[in-house]
């Protein structure tokens, strides 16, 4: 196992956490934050990030973090490997996937009304 496994998940976590708690703009800075591998190795929760990095691809990891930060803003990495965090992400995916369908249904319903 690579000792830096989980580092990319850690960077993504930090960037998104700063996005939701400070004036940092994740999009503007493309998820870049000031952190180094030495600080990552000193963290006690680095194994949680390694688990998350194994479980999700990069773009899925971003959505996973976003869904959990939206659900509750003070998220600890250890809580992110729980069943609750997984269910929050799955519910979020369902909502996102149904947006087009719901919009189409509502537009069709509005088309039935006669607007003067």
PDB file of N, CA and C in Angstrom:
ATOM      1  N   UNK A   1       0.843  -1.193   0.000  1.00  0.00           N
ATOM      2  CA  UNK A   1       0.000   0.000   0.000  1.00  0.00           C
ATOM      3  C   UNK A   1       0.875   1.238   0.000  1.00  0.00           C
ATOM      4  N   UNK A   2       0.523   2.178  -0.806  1.00  0.00           N
ATOM      5  CA  UNK A   2       1.199   3.462  -0.890  1.00  0.00           C
ATOM      6  C   UNK A   2       0.913   4.261   0.381  1.00  0.00           C
ATOM      7  N   UNK A   3       1.946   4.806   1.018  1.00  0.00           N
ATOM      8  CA  UNK A   3       1.717   5.543   2.270  1.00  0.00           C
ATOM      9  C   UNK A   3       0.941   6.835   2.039  1.00  0.00           C
ATOM     10  N   UNK A   4       0.925   7.316   0.800  1.00  0.00           N
ATOM     11  CA  UNK A   4       0.185   8.533   0.482  1.00  0.00           C
ATOM     12  C   UNK A   4      -1.202   8.246  -0.072  1.00  0.00           C
ATOM     13  N   UNK A   5      -1.636   6.991  -0.019  1.00  0.00           N
ATOM     14  CA  UNK A   5      -2.971   6.672  -0.507  1.00  0.00           C
ATOM     15  C   UNK A   5      -3.998   7.409   0.356  1.00  0.00           C
ATOM     16  N   UNK A   6      -4.870   8.121  -0.290  1.00  0.00           N
ATOM     17  CA  UNK A   6      -5.851   8.937   0.402  1.00  0.00           C
ATOM     18  C   UNK A   6      -5.527  10.412   0.358  1.00  0.00           C
ATOM     19  N   UNK A   7      -4.313  10.749  -0.096  1.00  0.00           N
ATOM     20  CA  UNK A   7      -3.887  12.149  -0.126  1.00  0.00           C
ATOM     21  C   UNK A   7      -4.789  12.987  -1.037  1.00  0.00           C
ATOM     22  N   UNK A   8      -5.142  12.455  -2.207  1.00  0.00           N
ATOM     23  CA  UNK A   8      -6.002  13.208  -3.132  1.00  0.00           C
ATOM     24  C   UNK A   8      -7.398  13.406  -2.541  1.00  0.00           C
ATOM     25  N   UNK A   9      -7.905  12.409  -1.849  1.00  0.00           N
ATOM     26  CA  UNK A   9      -9.200  12.552  -1.179  1.00  0.00           C
ATOM     27  C   UNK A   9      -9.099  13.609  -0.080  1.00  0.00           C
ATOM     28  N   UNK A  10      -7.995  13.638   0.622  1.00  0.00           N
ATOM     29  CA  UNK A  10      -7.745  14.622   1.672  1.00  0.00           C
ATOM     30  C   UNK A  10      -7.746  16.044   1.101  1.00  0.00           C
ATOM     31  N   UNK A  11      -7.066  16.240  -0.023  1.00  0.00           N
ATOM     32  CA  UNK A  11      -7.006  17.559  -0.657  1.00  0.00           C
ATOM     33  C   UNK A  11      -8.412  17.993  -1.092  1.00  0.00           C
ATOM     34  N   UNK A  12      -9.152  17.072  -1.694  1.00  0.00           N
ATOM     35  CA  UNK A  12     -10.513  17.379  -2.130  1.00  0.00           C
ATOM     36  C   UNK A  12     -11.393  17.727  -0.936  1.00  0.00           C
ATOM     37  N   UNK A  13     -11.255  16.964   0.142  1.00  0.00           N
ATOM     38  CA  UNK A  13     -12.009  17.213   1.376  1.00  0.00           C
ATOM     39  C   UNK A  13     -11.699  18.611   1.915  1.00  0.00           C
ATOM     40  N   UNK A  14     -10.415  18.948   1.998  1.00  0.00           N
ATOM     41  CA  UNK A  14     -10.031  20.265   2.518  1.00  0.00           C
ATOM     42  C   UNK A  14     -10.593  21.388   1.653  1.00  0.00           C
ATOM     43  N   UNK A  15     -10.469  21.241   0.339  1.00  0.00           N
ATOM     44  CA  UNK A  15     -10.936  22.287  -0.576  1.00  0.00           C
ATOM     45  C   UNK A  15     -12.446  22.486  -0.462  1.00  0.00           C
ATOM     46  N   UNK A  16     -13.182  21.391  -0.416  1.00  0.00           N
ATOM     47  CA  UNK A  16     -14.641  21.517  -0.320  1.00  0.00           C
ATOM     48  C   UNK A  16     -15.075  22.006   1.059  1.00  0.00           C
ATOM     49  N   UNK A  17     -14.376  21.588   2.085  1.00  0.00           N
ATOM     50  CA  UNK A  17     -14.713  22.072   3.425  1.00  0.00           C
ATOM     51  C   UNK A  17     -14.497  23.585   3.505  1.00  0.00           C
ATOM     52  N   UNK A  18     -13.387  24.052   2.926  1.00  0.00           N
ATOM     53  CA  UNK A  18     -13.138  25.494   2.905  1.00  0.00           C
ATOM     54  C   UNK A  18     -14.178  26.217   2.048  1.00  0.00           C
ATOM     55  N   UNK A  19     -14.599  25.575   0.971  1.00  0.00           N
ATOM     56  CA  UNK A  19     -15.612  26.180   0.105  1.00  0.00           C
ATOM     57  C   UNK A  19     -16.920  26.424   0.870  1.00  0.00           C
ATOM     58  N   UNK A  20     -17.295  25.465   1.710  1.00  0.00           N
ATOM     59  CA  UNK A  20     -18.559  25.571   2.425  1.00  0.00           C
ATOM     60  C   UNK A  20     -18.460  26.333   3.742  1.00  0.00           C
ATOM     61  N   UNK A  21     -17.259  26.558   4.247  1.00  0.00           N
ATOM     62  CA  UNK A  21     -17.138  27.223   5.549  1.00  0.00           C
ATOM     63  C   UNK A  21     -16.420  28.569   5.497  1.00  0.00           C
ATOM     64  N   UNK A  22     -15.751  28.878   4.380  1.00  0.00           N
ATOM     65  CA  UNK A  22     -15.047  30.157   4.252  1.00  0.00           C
ATOM     66  C   UNK A  22     -15.407  30.795   2.914  1.00  0.00           C
ATOM     67  N   UNK A  23     -14.664  31.828   2.533  1.00  0.00           N
ATOM     68  CA  UNK A  23     -14.916  32.470   1.236  1.00  0.00           C
ATOM     69  C   UNK A  23     -14.093  31.840   0.110  1.00  0.00           C
ATOM     70  N   UNK A  24     -13.457  30.719   0.344  1.00  0.00           N
ATOM     71  CA  UNK A  24     -12.691  29.989  -0.670  1.00  0.00           C
ATOM     72  C   UNK A  24     -13.645  29.487  -1.755  1.00  0.00           C
ATOM     73  N   UNK A  25     -13.239  29.623  -3.016  1.00  0.00           N
ATOM     74  CA  UNK A  25     -14.067  29.196  -4.151  1.00  0.00           C
ATOM     75  C   UNK A  25     -13.427  27.963  -4.801  1.00  0.00           C
ATOM     76  N   UNK A  26     -14.054  26.816  -4.607  1.00  0.00           N
ATOM     77  CA  UNK A  26     -13.545  25.547  -5.128  1.00  0.00           C
ATOM     78  C   UNK A  26     -13.399  25.590  -6.647  1.00  0.00           C
ATOM     79  N   UNK A  27     -14.368  26.176  -7.331  1.00  0.00           N
ATOM     80  CA  UNK A  27     -14.355  26.244  -8.796  1.00  0.00           C
ATOM     81  C   UNK A  27     -13.226  27.154  -9.280  1.00  0.00           C
ATOM     82  N   UNK A  28     -13.133  28.326  -8.678  1.00  0.00           N
ATOM     83  CA  UNK A  28     -12.134  29.309  -9.099  1.00  0.00           C
ATOM     84  C   UNK A  28     -10.710  28.762  -8.953  1.00  0.00           C
ATOM     85  N   UNK A  29     -10.433  28.088  -7.864  1.00  0.00           N
ATOM     86  CA  UNK A  29      -9.084  27.583  -7.602  1.00  0.00           C
ATOM     87  C   UNK A  29      -8.902  26.119  -8.008  1.00  0.00           C
ATOM     88  N   UNK A  30      -9.920  25.560  -8.660  1.00  0.00           N
ATOM     89  CA  UNK A  30      -9.860  24.197  -9.180  1.00  0.00           C
ATOM     90  C   UNK A  30      -9.517  23.167  -8.088  1.00  0.00           C
ATOM     91  N   UNK A  31      -9.993  23.425  -6.882  1.00  0.00           N
ATOM     92  CA  UNK A  31      -9.795  22.482  -5.791  1.00  0.00           C
ATOM     93  C   UNK A  31      -8.395  22.453  -5.208  1.00  0.00           C
ATOM     94  N   UNK A  32      -7.579  23.420  -5.540  1.00  0.00           N
ATOM     95  CA  UNK A  32      -6.206  23.468  -5.024  1.00  0.00           C
ATOM     96  C   UNK A  32      -6.195  24.149  -3.655  1.00  0.00           C
ATOM     97  N   UNK A  33      -5.496  23.549  -2.724  1.00  0.00           N
ATOM     98  CA  UNK A  33      -5.327  24.130  -1.395  1.00  0.00           C
ATOM     99  C   UNK A  33      -3.881  23.956  -0.965  1.00  0.00           C
ATOM    100  N   UNK A  34      -3.503  24.733   0.031  1.00  0.00           N
ATOM    101  CA  UNK A  34      -2.148  24.608   0.562  1.00  0.00           C
ATOM    102  C   UNK A  34      -2.121  23.486   1.588  1.00  0.00           C
ATOM    103  N   UNK A  35      -1.594  22.383   1.177  1.00  0.00           N
ATOM    104  CA  UNK A  35      -1.419  21.235   2.065  1.00  0.00           C
ATOM    105  C   UNK A  35      -0.295  20.405   1.475  1.00  0.00           C
ATOM    106  N   UNK A  36       0.410  19.717   2.337  1.00  0.00           N
ATOM    107  CA  UNK A  36       1.480  18.880   1.812  1.00  0.00           C
ATOM    108  C   UNK A  36       1.354  17.455   2.343  1.00  0.00           C
ATOM    109  N   UNK A  37       2.119  16.577   1.772  1.00  0.00           N
ATOM    110  CA  UNK A  37       2.018  15.171   2.120  1.00  0.00           C
ATOM    111  C   UNK A  37       2.474  14.898   3.551  1.00  0.00           C
ATOM    112  N   UNK A  38       3.404  15.703   4.047  1.00  0.00           N
ATOM    113  CA  UNK A  38       3.850  15.515   5.432  1.00  0.00           C
ATOM    114  C   UNK A  38       2.728  15.795   6.422  1.00  0.00           C
ATOM    115  N   UNK A  39       1.957  16.857   6.177  1.00  0.00           N
ATOM    116  CA  UNK A  39       0.835  17.149   7.071  1.00  0.00           C
ATOM    117  C   UNK A  39      -0.220  16.050   6.976  1.00  0.00           C
ATOM    118  N   UNK A  40      -0.395  15.486   5.783  1.00  0.00           N
ATOM    119  CA  UNK A  40      -1.331  14.380   5.614  1.00  0.00           C
ATOM    120  C   UNK A  40      -0.891  13.168   6.431  1.00  0.00           C
ATOM    121  N   UNK A  41       0.407  12.846   6.401  1.00  0.00           N
ATOM    122  CA  UNK A  41       0.909  11.669   7.121  1.00  0.00           C
ATOM    123  C   UNK A  41       0.788  11.807   8.631  1.00  0.00           C
ATOM    124  N   UNK A  42       0.753  13.038   9.138  1.00  0.00           N
ATOM    125  CA  UNK A  42       0.632  13.269  10.575  1.00  0.00           C
ATOM    126  C   UNK A  42      -0.802  13.139  11.088  1.00  0.00           C
ATOM    127  N   UNK A  43      -1.764  13.125  10.176  1.00  0.00           N
ATOM    128  CA  UNK A  43      -3.174  13.063  10.567  1.00  0.00           C
ATOM    129  C   UNK A  43      -3.534  11.664  11.057  1.00  0.00           C
ATOM    130  N   UNK A  44      -4.354  11.608  12.076  1.00  0.00           N
ATOM    131  CA  UNK A  44      -4.827  10.318  12.588  1.00  0.00           C
ATOM    132  C   UNK A  44      -5.914   9.718  11.702  1.00  0.00           C
ATOM    133  N   UNK A  45      -6.594  10.562  10.937  1.00  0.00           N
ATOM    134  CA  UNK A  45      -7.713  10.094  10.114  1.00  0.00           C
ATOM    135  C   UNK A  45      -7.328   9.802   8.668  1.00  0.00           C
ATOM    136  N   UNK A  46      -6.049   9.672   8.382  1.00  0.00           N
ATOM    137  CA  UNK A  46      -5.612   9.454   6.994  1.00  0.00           C
ATOM    138  C   UNK A  46      -6.129   8.147   6.416  1.00  0.00           C
ATOM    139  N   UNK A  47      -6.385   7.164   7.268  1.00  0.00           N
ATOM    140  CA  UNK A  47      -6.876   5.874   6.784  1.00  0.00           C
ATOM    141  C   UNK A  47      -8.319   5.977   6.278  1.00  0.00           C
ATOM    142  N   UNK A  48      -9.088   6.908   6.836  1.00  0.00           N
ATOM    143  CA  UNK A  48     -10.443   7.132   6.344  1.00  0.00           C
ATOM    144  C   UNK A  48     -10.404   7.693   4.924  1.00  0.00           C
ATOM    145  N   UNK A  49      -9.465   8.588   4.678  1.00  0.00           N
ATOM    146  CA  UNK A  49      -9.322   9.152   3.333  1.00  0.00           C
ATOM    147  C   UNK A  49      -8.871   8.082   2.343  1.00  0.00           C
ATOM    148  N   UNK A  50      -8.018   7.177   2.793  1.00  0.00           N
ATOM    149  CA  UNK A  50      -7.577   6.076   1.926  1.00  0.00           C
ATOM    150  C   UNK A  50      -8.774   5.188   1.562  1.00  0.00           C
ATOM    151  N   UNK A  51      -9.642   4.915   2.535  1.00  0.00           N
ATOM    152  CA  UNK A  51     -10.841   4.121   2.259  1.00  0.00           C
ATOM    153  C   UNK A  51     -11.744   4.820   1.244  1.00  0.00           C
ATOM    154  N   UNK A  52     -11.930   6.116   1.438  1.00  0.00           N
ATOM    155  CA  UNK A  52     -12.795   6.872   0.529  1.00  0.00           C
ATOM    156  C   UNK A  52     -12.205   6.932  -0.874  1.00  0.00           C
ATOM    157  N   UNK A  53     -10.899   7.077  -0.950  1.00  0.00           N
ATOM    158  CA  UNK A  53     -10.245   7.142  -2.255  1.00  0.00           C
ATOM    159  C   UNK A  53     -10.337   5.805  -2.989  1.00  0.00           C
ATOM    160  N   UNK A  54     -10.307   4.725  -2.245  1.00  0.00           N
ATOM    161  CA  UNK A  54     -10.476   3.402  -2.855  1.00  0.00           C
ATOM    162  C   UNK A  54     -11.906   3.195  -3.344  1.00  0.00           C
ATOM    163  N   UNK A  55     -12.855   3.699  -2.596  1.00  0.00           N
ATOM    164  CA  UNK A  55     -14.274   3.455  -2.849  1.00  0.00           C
ATOM    165  C   UNK A  55     -14.827   4.289  -4.006  1.00  0.00           C
ATOM    166  N   UNK A  56     -14.350   5.515  -4.173  1.00  0.00           N
ATOM    167  CA  UNK A  56     -14.920   6.441  -5.146  1.00  0.00           C
ATOM    168  C   UNK A  56     -13.875   6.953  -6.127  1.00  0.00           C
ATOM    169  N   UNK A  57     -14.331   7.196  -7.350  1.00  0.00           N
ATOM    170  CA  UNK A  57     -13.504   7.876  -8.343  1.00  0.00           C
ATOM    171  C   UNK A  57     -13.459   9.353  -7.971  1.00  0.00           C
ATOM    172  N   UNK A  58     -12.552  10.097  -8.592  1.00  0.00           N
ATOM    173  CA  UNK A  58     -12.350  11.511  -8.242  1.00  0.00           C
ATOM    174  C   UNK A  58     -13.644  12.325  -8.345  1.00  0.00           C
ATOM    175  N   UNK A  59     -14.363  12.215  -9.477  1.00  0.00           N
ATOM    176  CA  UNK A  59     -15.575  13.019  -9.624  1.00  0.00           C
ATOM    177  C   UNK A  59     -16.675  12.551  -8.678  1.00  0.00           C
ATOM    178  N   UNK A  60     -16.750  11.260  -8.404  1.00  0.00           N
ATOM    179  CA  UNK A  60     -17.728  10.752  -7.431  1.00  0.00           C
ATOM    180  C   UNK A  60     -17.394  11.243  -6.031  1.00  0.00           C
ATOM    181  N   UNK A  61     -16.117  11.321  -5.735  1.00  0.00           N
ATOM    182  CA  UNK A  61     -15.683  11.771  -4.414  1.00  0.00           C
ATOM    183  C   UNK A  61     -16.097  13.220  -4.173  1.00  0.00           C
ATOM    184  N   UNK A  62     -16.001  14.034  -5.201  1.00  0.00           N
ATOM    185  CA  UNK A  62     -16.430  15.434  -5.069  1.00  0.00           C
ATOM    186  C   UNK A  62     -17.914  15.478  -4.730  1.00  0.00           C
ATOM    187  N   UNK A  63     -18.725  14.737  -5.478  1.00  0.00           N
ATOM    188  CA  UNK A  63     -20.167  14.722  -5.218  1.00  0.00           C
ATOM    189  C   UNK A  63     -20.485  14.113  -3.859  1.00  0.00           C
ATOM    190  N   UNK A  64     -19.725  13.102  -3.466  1.00  0.00           N
ATOM    191  CA  UNK A  64     -19.922  12.486  -2.154  1.00  0.00           C
ATOM    192  C   UNK A  64     -19.691  13.514  -1.048  1.00  0.00           C
ATOM    193  N   UNK A  65     -18.578  14.243  -1.141  1.00  0.00           N
ATOM    194  CA  UNK A  65     -18.286  15.264  -0.135  1.00  0.00           C
ATOM    195  C   UNK A  65     -19.336  16.373  -0.154  1.00  0.00           C
ATOM    196  N   UNK A  66     -19.712  16.846  -1.339  1.00  0.00           N
ATOM    197  CA  UNK A  66     -20.700  17.919  -1.448  1.00  0.00           C
ATOM    198  C   UNK A  66     -22.013  17.501  -0.804  1.00  0.00           C
ATOM    199  N   UNK A  67     -22.485  16.301  -1.122  1.00  0.00           N
ATOM    200  CA  UNK A  67     -23.763  15.851  -0.560  1.00  0.00           C
ATOM    201  C   UNK A  67     -23.706  15.789   0.958  1.00  0.00           C
ATOM    202  N   UNK A  68     -22.584  15.378   1.497  1.00  0.00           N
ATOM    203  CA  UNK A  68     -22.471  15.280   2.951  1.00  0.00           C
ATOM    204  C   UNK A  68     -22.246  16.632   3.612  1.00  0.00           C
ATOM    205  N   UNK A  69     -21.552  17.546   2.946  1.00  0.00           N
ATOM    206  CA  UNK A  69     -21.407  18.900   3.499  1.00  0.00           C
ATOM    207  C   UNK A  69     -22.731  19.649   3.468  1.00  0.00           C
ATOM    208  N   UNK A  70     -23.533  19.413   2.445  1.00  0.00           N
ATOM    209  CA  UNK A  70     -24.847  20.049   2.374  1.00  0.00           C
ATOM    210  C   UNK A  70     -25.753  19.497   3.475  1.00  0.00           C
ATOM    211  N   UNK A  71     -25.633  18.207   3.742  1.00  0.00           N
ATOM    212  CA  UNK A  71     -26.450  17.565   4.776  1.00  0.00           C
ATOM    213  C   UNK A  71     -26.091  18.089   6.167  1.00  0.00           C
ATOM    214  N   UNK A  72     -24.820  18.163   6.470  1.00  0.00           N
ATOM    215  CA  UNK A  72     -24.359  18.725   7.743  1.00  0.00           C
ATOM    216  C   UNK A  72     -22.967  19.306   7.520  1.00  0.00           C
ATOM    217  N   UNK A  73     -22.801  20.569   7.907  1.00  0.00           N
ATOM    218  CA  UNK A  73     -21.598  21.309   7.529  1.00  0.00           C
ATOM    219  C   UNK A  73     -20.339  20.947   8.298  1.00  0.00           C
ATOM    220  N   UNK A  74     -20.454  20.353   9.453  1.00  0.00           N
ATOM    221  CA  UNK A  74     -19.263  19.997  10.226  1.00  0.00           C
ATOM    222  C   UNK A  74     -19.046  18.490  10.120  1.00  0.00           C
ATOM    223  N   UNK A  75     -18.373  18.081   9.066  1.00  0.00           N
ATOM    224  CA  UNK A  75     -18.190  16.658   8.779  1.00  0.00           C
ATOM    225  C   UNK A  75     -16.769  16.252   9.104  1.00  0.00           C
ATOM    226  N   UNK A  76     -16.633  15.241   9.945  1.00  0.00           N
ATOM    227  CA  UNK A  76     -15.329  14.666  10.263  1.00  0.00           C
ATOM    228  C   UNK A  76     -15.089  13.489   9.319  1.00  0.00           C
ATOM    229  N   UNK A  77     -13.871  13.308   8.888  1.00  0.00           N
ATOM    230  CA  UNK A  77     -13.539  12.262   7.916  1.00  0.00           C
ATOM    231  C   UNK A  77     -13.948  10.873   8.403  1.00  0.00           C
ATOM    232  N   UNK A  78     -13.863  10.622   9.682  1.00  0.00           N
ATOM    233  CA  UNK A  78     -14.249   9.320  10.217  1.00  0.00           C
ATOM    234  C   UNK A  78     -15.727   9.026  10.040  1.00  0.00           C
ATOM    235  N   UNK A  79     -16.543  10.071  10.074  1.00  0.00           N
ATOM    236  CA  UNK A  79     -17.981   9.892   9.860  1.00  0.00           C
ATOM    237  C   UNK A  79     -18.321   9.631   8.395  1.00  0.00           C
ATOM    238  N   UNK A  80     -17.423   9.987   7.495  1.00  0.00           N
ATOM    239  CA  UNK A  80     -17.697   9.840   6.077  1.00  0.00           C
ATOM    240  C   UNK A  80     -17.649   8.392   5.587  1.00  0.00           C
ATOM    241  N   UNK A  81     -17.094   7.510   6.356  1.00  0.00           N
ATOM    242  CA  UNK A  81     -17.059   6.096   5.949  1.00  0.00           C
ATOM    243  C   UNK A  81     -18.226   5.326   6.565  1.00  0.00           C
ATOM    244  N   UNK A  82     -19.183   6.033   7.131  1.00  0.00           N
ATOM    245  CA  UNK A  82     -20.333   5.395   7.778  1.00  0.00           C
ATOM    246  C   UNK A  82     -21.441   5.101   6.768  1.00  0.00           C
ATOM    247  N   UNK A  83     -22.371   4.276   7.197  1.00  0.00           N
ATOM    248  CA  UNK A  83     -23.540   3.963   6.368  1.00  0.00           C
ATOM    249  C   UNK A  83     -24.414   5.198   6.164  1.00  0.00           C
ATOM    250  N   UNK A  84     -24.474   6.054   7.176  1.00  0.00           N
ATOM    251  CA  UNK A  84     -25.278   7.272   7.066  1.00  0.00           C
ATOM    252  C   UNK A  84     -24.769   8.156   5.928  1.00  0.00           C
ATOM    253  N   UNK A  85     -23.469   8.360   5.854  1.00  0.00           N
ATOM    254  CA  UNK A  85     -22.893   9.195   4.794  1.00  0.00           C
ATOM    255  C   UNK A  85     -23.146   8.588   3.426  1.00  0.00           C
ATOM    256  N   UNK A  86     -23.086   7.276   3.345  1.00  0.00           N
ATOM    257  CA  UNK A  86     -23.367   6.580   2.090  1.00  0.00           C
ATOM    258  C   UNK A  86     -24.830   6.784   1.681  1.00  0.00           C
ATOM    259  N   UNK A  87     -25.741   6.700   2.646  1.00  0.00           N
ATOM    260  CA  UNK A  87     -27.164   6.892   2.330  1.00  0.00           C
ATOM    261  C   UNK A  87     -27.452   8.347   1.944  1.00  0.00           C
ATOM    262  N   UNK A  88     -26.766   9.299   2.573  1.00  0.00           N
ATOM    263  CA  UNK A  88     -26.920  10.718   2.199  1.00  0.00           C
ATOM    264  C   UNK A  88     -26.508  10.899   0.747  1.00  0.00           C
ATOM    265  N   UNK A  89     -25.403  10.304   0.371  1.00  0.00           N
ATOM    266  CA  UNK A  89     -24.916  10.394  -1.010  1.00  0.00           C
ATOM    267  C   UNK A  89     -25.891   9.734  -1.986  1.00  0.00           C
ATOM    268  N   UNK A  90     -26.404   8.566  -1.640  1.00  0.00           N
ATOM    269  CA  UNK A  90     -27.345   7.867  -2.517  1.00  0.00           C
ATOM    270  C   UNK A  90     -28.639   8.660  -2.704  1.00  0.00           C
ATOM    271  N   UNK A  91     -29.142   9.264  -1.633  1.00  0.00           N
ATOM    272  CA  UNK A  91     -30.347  10.103  -1.737  1.00  0.00           C
ATOM    273  C   UNK A  91     -30.079  11.318  -2.609  1.00  0.00           C
ATOM    274  N   UNK A  92     -28.914  11.900  -2.464  1.00  0.00           N
ATOM    275  CA  UNK A  92     -28.537  13.057  -3.269  1.00  0.00           C
ATOM    276  C   UNK A  92     -28.471  12.670  -4.746  1.00  0.00           C
ATOM    277  N   UNK A  93     -27.881  11.511  -5.051  1.00  0.00           N
ATOM    278  CA  UNK A  93     -27.802  11.038  -6.438  1.00  0.00           C
ATOM    279  C   UNK A  93     -29.203  10.843  -7.021  1.00  0.00           C
ATOM    280  N   UNK A  94     -30.111  10.297  -6.225  1.00  0.00           N
ATOM    281  CA  UNK A  94     -31.492  10.113  -6.700  1.00  0.00           C
ATOM    282  C   UNK A  94     -32.131  11.448  -7.063  1.00  0.00           C
ATOM    283  N   UNK A  95     -31.940  12.458  -6.200  1.00  0.00           N
ATOM    284  CA  UNK A  95     -32.520  13.778  -6.471  1.00  0.00           C
ATOM    285  C   UNK A  95     -31.944  14.386  -7.748  1.00  0.00           C
ATOM    286  N   UNK A  96     -30.646  14.269  -7.918  1.00  0.00           N
ATOM    287  CA  UNK A  96     -29.988  14.836  -9.098  1.00  0.00           C
ATOM    288  C   UNK A  96     -30.455  14.125 -10.360  1.00  0.00           C
ATOM    289  N   UNK A  97     -30.554  12.812 -10.315  1.00  0.00           N
ATOM    290  CA  UNK A  97     -30.966  12.043 -11.483  1.00  0.00           C
ATOM    291  C   UNK A  97     -32.425  12.285 -11.852  1.00  0.00           C
ATOM    292  N   UNK A  98     -33.245  12.656 -10.888  1.00  0.00           N
ATOM    293  CA  UNK A  98     -34.663  12.875 -11.176  1.00  0.00           C
ATOM    294  C   UNK A  98     -34.990  14.327 -11.537  1.00  0.00           C
ATOM    295  N   UNK A  99     -34.026  15.214 -11.526  1.00  0.00           N
ATOM    296  CA  UNK A  99     -34.293  16.624 -11.829  1.00  0.00           C
ATOM    297  C   UNK A  99     -34.892  16.811 -13.219  1.00  0.00           C
ATOM    298  N   UNK A 100     -34.325  16.192 -14.218  1.00  0.00           N
ATOM    299  CA  UNK A 100     -34.822  16.337 -15.585  1.00  0.00           C
ATOM    300  C   UNK A 100     -36.241  15.811 -15.706  1.00  0.00           C
ATOM    301  N   UNK A 101     -36.487  14.654 -15.137  1.00  0.00           N
ATOM    302  CA  UNK A 101     -37.819  14.051 -15.191  1.00  0.00           C
ATOM    303  C   UNK A 101     -38.841  14.960 -14.512  1.00  0.00           C
ATOM    304  N   UNK A 102     -38.515  15.437 -13.318  1.00  0.00           N
ATOM    305  CA  UNK A 102     -39.447  16.303 -12.582  1.00  0.00           C
ATOM    306  C   UNK A 102     -39.715  17.608 -13.325  1.00  0.00           C
ATOM    307  N   UNK A 103     -38.688  18.195 -13.908  1.00  0.00           N
ATOM    308  CA  UNK A 103     -38.866  19.435 -14.668  1.00  0.00           C
ATOM    309  C   UNK A 103     -39.778  19.193 -15.869  1.00  0.00           C
ATOM    310  N   UNK A 104     -39.562  18.093 -16.567  1.00  0.00           N
ATOM    311  CA  UNK A 104     -40.396  17.763 -17.731  1.00  0.00           C
ATOM    312  C   UNK A 104     -41.856  17.575 -17.310  1.00  0.00           C
ATOM    313  N   UNK A 105     -42.080  16.866 -16.221  1.00  0.00           N
ATOM    314  CA  UNK A 105     -43.441  16.635 -15.723  1.00  0.00           C
ATOM    315  C   UNK A 105     -44.124  17.958 -15.370  1.00  0.00           C
ATOM    316  N   UNK A 106     -43.404  18.838 -14.699  1.00  0.00           N
ATOM    317  CA  UNK A 106     -43.980  20.116 -14.293  1.00  0.00           C
ATOM    318  C   UNK A 106     -44.246  21.022 -15.487  1.00  0.00           C
ATOM    319  N   UNK A 107     -43.372  20.982 -16.490  1.00  0.00           N
ATOM    320  CA  UNK A 107     -43.592  21.785 -17.704  1.00  0.00           C
ATOM    321  C   UNK A 107     -44.801  21.278 -18.478  1.00  0.00           C
ATOM    322  N   UNK A 108     -44.963  19.968 -18.537  1.00  0.00           N
ATOM    323  CA  UNK A 108     -46.133  19.400 -19.210  1.00  0.00           C
ATOM    324  C   UNK A 108     -47.419  19.783 -18.482  1.00  0.00           C
ATOM    325  N   UNK A 109     -47.367  19.801 -17.169  1.00  0.00           N
ATOM    326  CA  UNK A 109     -48.529  20.195 -16.389  1.00  0.00           C
ATOM    327  C   UNK A 109     -48.861  21.675 -16.633  1.00  0.00           C
ATOM    328  N   UNK A 110     -47.864  22.513 -16.698  1.00  0.00           N
ATOM    329  CA  UNK A 110     -48.081  23.942 -16.949  1.00  0.00           C
ATOM    330  C   UNK A 110     -48.592  24.178 -18.375  1.00  0.00           C
ATOM    331  N   UNK A 111     -48.190  23.342 -19.311  1.00  0.00           N
ATOM    332  CA  UNK A 111     -48.613  23.498 -20.711  1.00  0.00           C
ATOM    333  C   UNK A 111     -50.130  23.280 -20.849  1.00  0.00           C
ATOM    334  N   UNK A 112     -50.732  22.570 -19.925  1.00  0.00           N
ATOM    335  CA  UNK A 112     -52.161  22.314 -19.957  1.00  0.00           C
ATOM    336  C   UNK A 112     -52.992  23.544 -19.563  1.00  0.00           C
ATOM    337  N   UNK A 113     -52.371  24.485 -18.863  1.00  0.00           N
ATOM    338  CA  UNK A 113     -53.090  25.692 -18.425  1.00  0.00           C
ATOM    339  C   UNK A 113     -53.170  26.702 -19.570  1.00  0.00           C
ATOM    340  N   UNK A 114     -54.257  27.456 -19.569  1.00  0.00           N
ATOM    341  CA  UNK A 114     -54.447  28.495 -20.562  1.00  0.00           C
ATOM    342  C   UNK A 114     -54.059  29.840 -19.934  1.00  0.00           C
ATOM    343  N   UNK A 115     -52.918  30.361 -20.357  1.00  0.00           N
ATOM    344  CA  UNK A 115     -52.449  31.635 -19.852  1.00  0.00           C
ATOM    345  C   UNK A 115     -52.883  32.744 -20.795  1.00  0.00           C
ATOM    346  N   UNK A 116     -53.523  33.771 -20.256  1.00  0.00           N
ATOM    347  CA  UNK A 116     -53.964  34.896 -21.092  1.00  0.00           C
ATOM    348  C   UNK A 116     -52.925  35.985 -21.084  1.00  0.00           C
TER     349      UNK A 116
END
